Protein backbone atom coordinates (compact mmCIF):
# COMPACT_ATOMS: atom_id res chain seq x y z
CA MET A 1 -50.19 38.71 -32.23
CA LEU A 2 -47.78 36.59 -30.17
CA LYS A 3 -46.85 39.56 -28.01
CA THR A 4 -50.53 40.20 -27.24
CA LEU A 5 -51.09 36.54 -26.43
CA LEU A 6 -48.08 36.43 -24.11
CA GLU A 7 -49.32 39.54 -22.30
CA HIS A 8 -52.74 37.91 -21.94
CA LEU A 9 -51.14 34.74 -20.57
CA VAL A 10 -49.41 36.72 -17.85
CA GLU A 11 -52.87 37.69 -16.63
CA LYS A 12 -54.38 34.25 -17.24
CA PRO A 13 -51.57 31.69 -17.09
CA ASP A 14 -53.93 28.70 -16.81
CA LEU A 15 -55.55 29.07 -20.23
CA TYR A 16 -55.77 25.99 -22.40
CA GLN A 17 -54.53 26.28 -25.97
CA ASP A 18 -58.06 26.12 -27.36
CA GLU A 19 -58.96 29.06 -25.10
CA MET A 20 -55.92 30.89 -26.45
CA ALA A 21 -57.19 30.27 -29.99
CA VAL A 22 -60.57 31.77 -29.06
CA TYR A 23 -58.82 34.78 -27.53
CA LEU A 24 -56.78 35.32 -30.72
CA PHE A 25 -59.93 35.03 -32.80
CA ASP A 26 -61.70 37.59 -30.63
CA GLU A 27 -58.75 40.00 -30.70
CA PHE A 28 -57.53 39.60 -34.29
CA ASP A 29 -60.37 37.81 -36.11
CA ALA A 30 -57.85 35.12 -37.02
CA LEU A 31 -58.28 31.37 -36.77
CA VAL A 32 -55.09 29.93 -35.31
CA ALA A 33 -54.56 26.20 -34.85
CA THR A 34 -53.59 25.01 -31.39
CA SER A 35 -50.53 23.32 -32.89
CA CYS A 36 -49.35 26.73 -34.16
CA ILE A 37 -49.96 28.23 -30.74
CA SER A 38 -47.97 25.44 -29.13
CA ARG A 39 -44.99 25.97 -31.45
CA ALA A 40 -45.09 29.75 -31.04
CA LEU A 41 -45.19 29.51 -27.24
CA ALA A 42 -42.30 27.05 -27.21
CA ALA A 43 -40.26 29.28 -29.53
CA ALA A 44 -40.97 32.27 -27.26
CA GLY A 45 -39.83 30.30 -24.20
CA TRP A 46 -43.23 30.60 -22.57
CA SER A 47 -44.27 28.22 -19.85
CA ARG A 48 -46.96 28.29 -17.20
CA LYS A 49 -44.23 28.45 -14.57
CA VAL A 50 -42.84 31.66 -16.08
CA ALA A 51 -46.31 33.18 -16.45
CA ARG A 52 -47.24 32.37 -12.86
CA ARG A 53 -44.02 33.97 -11.58
CA ILE A 54 -44.76 37.15 -13.54
CA ALA A 55 -48.39 37.11 -12.42
CA LYS A 56 -47.31 36.99 -8.77
CA GLU A 57 -45.42 40.23 -9.32
CA ARG A 58 -48.63 42.01 -10.31
CA ASN A 59 -50.64 44.20 -7.97
CA ALA A 60 -52.70 41.91 -5.74
CA ASP A 61 -55.16 44.66 -4.77
CA LEU A 62 -55.98 45.41 -8.40
CA ARG A 63 -56.37 41.70 -9.12
CA ASP A 64 -58.75 41.30 -6.15
CA HIS A 65 -60.76 44.31 -7.28
CA TYR A 66 -61.01 42.86 -10.79
CA LEU A 67 -62.12 39.45 -9.50
CA HIS A 68 -64.71 41.11 -7.28
CA LYS A 69 -66.11 43.01 -10.28
CA LEU A 70 -66.07 39.85 -12.36
CA SER A 71 -68.02 37.95 -9.70
CA SER A 72 -70.99 40.25 -10.30
CA PHE A 73 -71.47 38.39 -13.60
CA PRO A 74 -72.74 34.95 -12.54
CA GLN A 75 -72.04 33.33 -15.90
CA PHE A 76 -68.27 33.83 -15.52
CA HIS A 77 -66.47 31.52 -13.14
CA ARG A 78 -62.85 30.45 -13.47
CA ASP A 79 -63.60 27.04 -12.00
CA ARG A 80 -66.49 26.22 -14.34
CA ARG A 81 -65.63 24.70 -17.71
CA HIS A 82 -67.88 24.39 -20.71
CA GLN A 83 -67.46 21.98 -23.59
CA ILE A 84 -68.20 22.77 -27.21
CA LEU A 85 -68.89 20.08 -29.77
CA PRO A 86 -68.98 21.74 -33.21
CA ALA A 87 -69.58 20.22 -36.63
CA TYR A 88 -68.51 22.22 -39.66
CA SER A 89 -69.18 21.75 -43.34
CA GLN A 90 -68.25 23.79 -46.38
CA ASP A 91 -71.50 25.66 -45.77
CA GLY A 92 -70.60 26.62 -42.20
CA VAL A 93 -71.60 25.29 -38.80
CA GLU A 94 -73.96 22.33 -39.09
CA LEU A 95 -74.49 21.55 -35.41
CA VAL A 96 -73.03 22.77 -32.16
CA ARG A 97 -73.59 21.65 -28.60
CA ILE A 98 -72.34 23.71 -25.65
CA TYR A 99 -72.70 22.36 -22.14
CA PRO A 100 -70.99 22.47 -18.75
CA GLY A 101 -68.83 19.62 -17.60
CA PHE A 102 -67.03 17.01 -19.60
CA THR A 103 -67.69 14.95 -22.70
CA ASP A 104 -68.23 11.25 -22.14
CA SER A 105 -69.16 8.54 -24.62
CA ILE A 106 -72.90 8.87 -23.94
CA ILE A 107 -72.91 12.61 -24.67
CA PHE A 108 -70.70 12.16 -27.72
CA GLU A 109 -72.79 9.32 -29.18
CA ASP A 110 -75.96 11.38 -28.69
CA TYR A 111 -74.28 14.30 -30.45
CA ILE A 112 -73.25 12.08 -33.38
CA GLU A 113 -76.80 10.73 -33.65
CA GLN A 114 -78.08 14.30 -33.95
CA LEU A 115 -75.34 15.25 -36.39
CA LEU A 116 -76.06 12.30 -38.67
CA GLN A 117 -79.56 13.70 -39.20
CA HIS A 118 -77.87 16.62 -41.00
CA CYS A 119 -75.75 14.34 -43.19
CA GLY A 120 -76.44 12.81 -46.57
CA ARG A 121 -75.84 9.20 -47.58
CA TRP A 122 -72.58 8.56 -49.42
CA PRO A 123 -71.80 10.00 -52.04
CA ALA A 124 -74.24 12.86 -51.41
CA PRO A 125 -73.01 16.19 -50.00
CA LYS A 126 -72.20 16.12 -46.29
CA SER A 127 -71.72 12.36 -46.35
CA VAL A 128 -68.18 12.16 -44.91
CA LEU A 129 -67.55 12.67 -41.21
CA VAL A 130 -63.94 13.60 -40.40
CA MET A 131 -62.78 13.48 -36.78
CA ASP A 132 -59.45 13.69 -35.07
CA ASN A 133 -57.89 10.71 -33.37
CA ALA A 134 -59.31 11.31 -29.87
CA SER A 135 -60.05 8.10 -28.02
CA ILE A 136 -63.71 9.05 -27.58
CA HIS A 137 -64.11 8.91 -31.38
CA HIS A 138 -63.16 5.24 -31.59
CA PRO A 139 -66.01 3.29 -29.99
CA ASP A 140 -67.60 0.77 -32.32
CA GLN A 141 -70.95 2.45 -31.69
CA ILE A 142 -69.80 5.59 -33.57
CA SER A 143 -68.70 3.52 -36.57
CA GLN A 144 -71.95 1.59 -36.49
CA LEU A 145 -74.07 4.76 -36.33
CA CYS A 146 -72.21 6.21 -39.32
CA GLU A 147 -72.50 2.99 -41.29
CA GLU A 148 -76.25 2.77 -40.64
CA ALA A 149 -76.67 6.39 -41.77
CA GLY A 150 -74.64 5.77 -44.94
CA VAL A 151 -71.96 8.23 -43.83
CA LYS A 152 -68.26 7.56 -44.34
CA LEU A 153 -66.22 7.94 -41.14
CA LEU A 154 -62.65 9.15 -41.52
CA LEU A 155 -60.38 9.40 -38.47
CA SER A 156 -57.27 11.48 -38.97
CA PRO A 157 -53.99 9.77 -38.10
CA SER A 158 -52.53 10.76 -34.74
CA ILE A 159 -49.69 12.61 -36.46
CA LEU A 160 -52.23 15.22 -37.63
CA SER A 161 -53.96 15.58 -34.27
CA GLY A 162 -51.42 17.94 -32.74
CA PRO A 163 -48.66 17.58 -30.17
């Protein structure tokens, strides 16, 4: 799996670790945490600098031909990023929002408001909201929304949020 990922990174050295996780899921049907990817890449001595050097050694004509073919699909652009806000429960995906651009507090608060409609009041099922320690998860508005909905908010400590 690591060998395949490293070969893929030679072709696409600018992938983020979450994009690497999606690639591994697509290739191997395996969910791999970004922290595991980070450790594996470090152990393999991989860096973007190394990958870029190797990528430069590749055939430029073939790369140009590939990019030209890829451009015929308007939904695929290297410079366009999409964000995914998922909410999972033991039953599966509860709510997902996919959109171009970046997540700001307004978008995130709106997402939480929608998500809380799928939650029960404590101690009912789906009454605990667990989020990582990202700064966008800390505004008082999020805590207030959860409290008003009767949902317990649990932020993981930063030690669990990855490197």
